[in-house]
Amino acid sequence: MNTKVLRPALSISAIAFAVFAAFAFSSVPEKGKLIDVYGHNPLEDCDVTTVECSTIQNPNVCRVSSGGQQLFNMSSPTECNVELYRKIN
């Protein structure tokens, strides 16, 4: 009698553990690729601006103002040439 109850209970618990382990130990997507950053102005020695830009690609590049200078993110401590995009809400 005990084996008739124990066998299904063990198989169900093994399946539940496998499902839990699959989600618990899977890798998390890299958050650094999809962040909001402040744009850097290349015409002013890559000085940081107060304009919030996004690294998520879209057709609208990030600018200081409408039709103004395009802003970039830092690719090294002295260069800003990584294209940024306007933040979409």
N, C-alpha and C. Protein backbone atom coordinates (compact mmCIF):
# COMPACT_ATOMS: atom_id res chain seq x y z
N MET A 1 0.81 -1.18 0.00
CA MET A 1 0.00 0.00 0.00
C MET A 1 0.87 1.26 0.00
N ASN A 2 1.92 1.26 0.81
CA ASN A 2 2.78 2.43 0.88
C ASN A 2 3.48 2.72 -0.44
N THR A 3 3.88 1.70 -1.17
CA THR A 3 4.56 1.93 -2.44
C THR A 3 3.62 2.50 -3.49
N LYS A 4 2.33 2.18 -3.44
CA LYS A 4 1.37 2.73 -4.40
C LYS A 4 1.19 4.24 -4.19
N VAL A 5 1.32 4.69 -2.98
CA VAL A 5 1.19 6.12 -2.68
C VAL A 5 2.54 6.82 -2.86
N LEU A 6 3.60 6.17 -2.46
CA LEU A 6 4.92 6.78 -2.48
C LEU A 6 5.47 6.98 -3.89
N ARG A 7 5.26 6.05 -4.78
CA ARG A 7 5.81 6.12 -6.13
C ARG A 7 5.29 7.34 -6.89
N PRO A 8 3.98 7.61 -6.97
CA PRO A 8 3.51 8.82 -7.66
C PRO A 8 3.96 10.11 -6.96
N ALA A 9 4.02 10.09 -5.65
CA ALA A 9 4.44 11.28 -4.92
C ALA A 9 5.89 11.63 -5.23
N LEU A 10 6.75 10.62 -5.33
CA LEU A 10 8.16 10.87 -5.66
C LEU A 10 8.32 11.38 -7.09
N SER A 11 7.58 10.83 -8.03
CA SER A 11 7.70 11.27 -9.41
C SER A 11 7.18 12.70 -9.57
N ILE A 12 6.11 13.03 -8.88
CA ILE A 12 5.59 14.40 -8.95
C ILE A 12 6.56 15.38 -8.31
N SER A 13 7.16 15.01 -7.21
CA SER A 13 8.13 15.90 -6.56
C SER A 13 9.39 16.05 -7.40
N ALA A 14 9.80 15.01 -8.11
CA ALA A 14 10.97 15.10 -8.99
C ALA A 14 10.69 16.05 -10.15
N ILE A 15 9.51 15.99 -10.72
CA ILE A 15 9.15 16.89 -11.81
C ILE A 15 9.06 18.33 -11.30
N ALA A 16 8.47 18.53 -10.14
CA ALA A 16 8.36 19.87 -9.57
C ALA A 16 9.75 20.46 -9.29
N PHE A 17 10.65 19.65 -8.79
CA PHE A 17 12.01 20.11 -8.54
C PHE A 17 12.72 20.48 -9.84
N ALA A 18 12.52 19.69 -10.89
CA ALA A 18 13.15 19.97 -12.18
C ALA A 18 12.65 21.30 -12.76
N VAL A 19 11.36 21.55 -12.65
CA VAL A 19 10.81 22.82 -13.14
C VAL A 19 11.35 23.98 -12.31
N PHE A 20 11.38 23.83 -11.00
CA PHE A 20 11.92 24.87 -10.13
C PHE A 20 13.39 25.16 -10.47
N ALA A 21 14.17 24.12 -10.65
CA ALA A 21 15.60 24.29 -10.94
C ALA A 21 15.81 24.96 -12.29
N ALA A 22 14.96 24.68 -13.26
CA ALA A 22 15.11 25.29 -14.58
C ALA A 22 14.95 26.80 -14.50
N PHE A 23 14.02 27.28 -13.68
CA PHE A 23 13.82 28.72 -13.56
C PHE A 23 14.77 29.35 -12.55
N ALA A 24 15.11 28.65 -11.52
CA ALA A 24 15.95 29.22 -10.47
C ALA A 24 17.40 29.41 -10.92
N PHE A 25 17.89 28.56 -11.78
CA PHE A 25 19.29 28.62 -12.17
C PHE A 25 19.51 29.09 -13.60
N SER A 26 18.46 29.61 -14.27
CA SER A 26 18.66 30.14 -15.61
C SER A 26 19.31 31.51 -15.52
N SER A 27 20.04 31.90 -16.56
CA SER A 27 20.76 33.16 -16.53
C SER A 27 19.79 34.33 -16.72
N VAL A 28 20.12 35.43 -16.09
CA VAL A 28 19.32 36.63 -16.15
C VAL A 28 19.80 37.46 -17.35
N PRO A 29 18.89 38.05 -18.12
CA PRO A 29 19.33 38.89 -19.23
C PRO A 29 20.19 40.06 -18.73
N GLU A 30 21.12 40.45 -19.55
CA GLU A 30 22.03 41.52 -19.17
C GLU A 30 21.29 42.85 -19.17
N LYS A 31 21.25 43.51 -18.02
CA LYS A 31 20.50 44.75 -17.89
C LYS A 31 21.28 45.94 -18.44
N GLY A 32 22.60 45.83 -18.51
CA GLY A 32 23.40 46.95 -18.95
C GLY A 32 23.11 47.39 -20.37
N LYS A 33 22.55 46.57 -21.18
CA LYS A 33 22.27 46.91 -22.56
C LYS A 33 21.02 47.77 -22.70
N LEU A 34 20.14 47.74 -21.75
CA LEU A 34 18.86 48.43 -21.88
C LEU A 34 18.67 49.43 -20.75
N ILE A 35 19.55 50.39 -20.66
CA ILE A 35 19.48 51.33 -19.56
C ILE A 35 19.30 52.76 -20.08
N ASP A 36 18.86 53.62 -19.21
CA ASP A 36 18.78 55.04 -19.51
C ASP A 36 20.07 55.69 -19.03
N VAL A 37 20.63 56.56 -19.87
CA VAL A 37 21.88 57.23 -19.54
C VAL A 37 21.76 58.70 -19.90
N TYR A 38 22.61 59.52 -19.33
CA TYR A 38 22.69 60.91 -19.72
C TYR A 38 23.61 61.03 -20.92
N GLY A 39 23.19 61.78 -21.92
CA GLY A 39 23.98 61.93 -23.15
C GLY A 39 25.20 62.79 -22.93
N HIS A 40 26.22 62.51 -23.72
CA HIS A 40 27.46 63.27 -23.69
C HIS A 40 27.57 64.05 -24.99
N ASN A 41 27.97 65.31 -24.89
CA ASN A 41 28.09 66.18 -26.06
C ASN A 41 29.51 66.12 -26.61
N PRO A 42 29.69 65.60 -27.84
CA PRO A 42 31.05 65.48 -28.39
C PRO A 42 31.68 66.83 -28.74
N LEU A 43 30.88 67.86 -28.93
CA LEU A 43 31.43 69.18 -29.26
C LEU A 43 31.98 69.91 -28.03
N GLU A 44 31.68 69.40 -26.85
CA GLU A 44 32.16 70.01 -25.61
C GLU A 44 33.01 69.02 -24.82
N ASP A 45 33.93 68.37 -25.48
CA ASP A 45 34.86 67.40 -24.87
C ASP A 45 34.13 66.28 -24.14
N CYS A 46 33.01 65.84 -24.70
CA CYS A 46 32.21 64.74 -24.15
C CYS A 46 31.65 65.04 -22.77
N ASP A 47 31.37 66.32 -22.50
CA ASP A 47 30.76 66.68 -21.22
C ASP A 47 29.38 66.07 -21.12
N VAL A 48 29.02 65.62 -19.93
CA VAL A 48 27.71 65.00 -19.71
C VAL A 48 26.66 66.11 -19.68
N THR A 49 25.49 65.81 -20.25
CA THR A 49 24.39 66.75 -20.27
C THR A 49 23.31 66.29 -19.28
N THR A 50 22.25 67.06 -19.18
CA THR A 50 21.12 66.69 -18.33
C THR A 50 20.02 65.99 -19.13
N VAL A 51 20.30 65.69 -20.40
CA VAL A 51 19.32 65.05 -21.27
C VAL A 51 19.40 63.54 -21.08
N GLU A 52 18.27 62.92 -20.70
CA GLU A 52 18.23 61.47 -20.53
C GLU A 52 17.98 60.81 -21.87
N CYS A 53 18.84 59.86 -22.20
CA CYS A 53 18.74 59.12 -23.45
C CYS A 53 18.59 57.63 -23.12
N SER A 54 18.42 56.83 -24.15
CA SER A 54 18.25 55.40 -23.95
C SER A 54 19.18 54.63 -24.87
N THR A 55 19.55 53.43 -24.46
CA THR A 55 20.36 52.57 -25.31
C THR A 55 19.50 51.66 -26.18
N ILE A 56 18.17 51.73 -26.00
CA ILE A 56 17.26 50.92 -26.81
C ILE A 56 17.11 51.58 -28.17
N GLN A 57 17.45 50.84 -29.21
CA GLN A 57 17.44 51.41 -30.56
C GLN A 57 16.02 51.76 -31.01
N ASN A 58 15.90 52.94 -31.61
CA ASN A 58 14.68 53.39 -32.26
C ASN A 58 15.08 54.42 -33.30
N PRO A 59 14.18 54.86 -34.16
CA PRO A 59 14.55 55.78 -35.24
C PRO A 59 14.96 57.18 -34.79
N ASN A 60 14.69 57.56 -33.56
CA ASN A 60 14.96 58.91 -33.08
C ASN A 60 16.23 58.97 -32.27
N VAL A 61 17.26 59.65 -32.81
CA VAL A 61 18.51 59.78 -32.07
C VAL A 61 18.32 60.81 -30.96
N CYS A 62 19.11 60.69 -29.93
CA CYS A 62 19.04 61.58 -28.78
C CYS A 62 19.79 62.87 -29.10
N ARG A 63 19.13 64.01 -28.85
CA ARG A 63 19.72 65.31 -29.14
C ARG A 63 19.56 66.24 -27.94
N VAL A 64 20.39 67.30 -27.92
CA VAL A 64 20.31 68.30 -26.85
C VAL A 64 18.94 68.96 -26.87
N SER A 65 18.48 69.33 -28.05
CA SER A 65 17.16 69.92 -28.23
C SER A 65 16.67 69.49 -29.60
N SER A 66 15.46 69.83 -29.93
CA SER A 66 14.91 69.46 -31.24
C SER A 66 15.78 70.07 -32.34
N GLY A 67 16.38 69.23 -33.14
CA GLY A 67 17.27 69.69 -34.21
C GLY A 67 18.65 70.09 -33.74
N GLY A 68 18.94 69.89 -32.45
CA GLY A 68 20.23 70.28 -31.89
C GLY A 68 21.29 69.21 -32.06
N GLN A 69 22.38 69.36 -31.32
CA GLN A 69 23.53 68.45 -31.38
C GLN A 69 23.15 67.05 -30.92
N GLN A 70 23.59 66.04 -31.69
CA GLN A 70 23.35 64.65 -31.31
C GLN A 70 24.24 64.28 -30.13
N LEU A 71 23.67 63.51 -29.21
CA LEU A 71 24.40 63.09 -28.01
C LEU A 71 24.83 61.63 -28.13
N PHE A 72 25.91 61.30 -27.44
CA PHE A 72 26.48 59.96 -27.49
C PHE A 72 26.78 59.45 -26.09
N ASN A 73 27.11 58.16 -25.99
CA ASN A 73 27.55 57.55 -24.74
C ASN A 73 29.05 57.32 -24.82
N MET A 74 29.68 57.17 -23.70
CA MET A 74 31.13 57.00 -23.66
C MET A 74 31.53 55.59 -24.11
N SER A 75 32.50 55.51 -25.01
CA SER A 75 33.04 54.22 -25.43
C SER A 75 34.37 53.95 -24.73
N SER A 76 35.00 54.98 -24.25
CA SER A 76 36.24 54.89 -23.48
C SER A 76 36.26 56.12 -22.56
N PRO A 77 37.22 56.23 -21.67
CA PRO A 77 37.24 57.40 -20.78
C PRO A 77 37.40 58.74 -21.50
N THR A 78 37.86 58.73 -22.76
CA THR A 78 38.09 59.99 -23.47
C THR A 78 37.25 60.15 -24.73
N GLU A 79 36.55 59.13 -25.16
CA GLU A 79 35.78 59.21 -26.41
C GLU A 79 34.30 58.92 -26.17
N CYS A 80 33.45 59.70 -26.83
CA CYS A 80 32.02 59.44 -26.78
C CYS A 80 31.51 59.27 -28.21
N ASN A 81 31.34 58.04 -28.62
CA ASN A 81 30.89 57.79 -29.99
C ASN A 81 29.87 56.65 -30.09
N VAL A 82 29.28 56.25 -28.96
CA VAL A 82 28.25 55.23 -28.96
C VAL A 82 26.90 55.92 -29.11
N GLU A 83 26.21 55.63 -30.20
CA GLU A 83 24.96 56.32 -30.50
C GLU A 83 23.88 56.04 -29.46
N LEU A 84 23.20 57.09 -29.04
CA LEU A 84 22.09 56.99 -28.10
C LEU A 84 20.79 57.38 -28.80
N TYR A 85 19.69 56.98 -28.21
CA TYR A 85 18.39 57.21 -28.83
C TYR A 85 17.47 57.94 -27.86
N ARG A 86 16.49 58.65 -28.43
CA ARG A 86 15.55 59.38 -27.59
C ARG A 86 14.73 58.39 -26.79
N LYS A 87 14.51 58.73 -25.55
CA LYS A 87 13.78 57.86 -24.64
C LYS A 87 12.31 57.84 -25.02
N ILE A 88 11.76 56.65 -25.20
CA ILE A 88 10.34 56.49 -25.52
C ILE A 88 9.62 56.02 -24.27
N ASN A 89 8.59 56.74 -23.89
CA ASN A 89 7.87 56.40 -22.66
C ASN A 89 6.99 55.23 -22.85
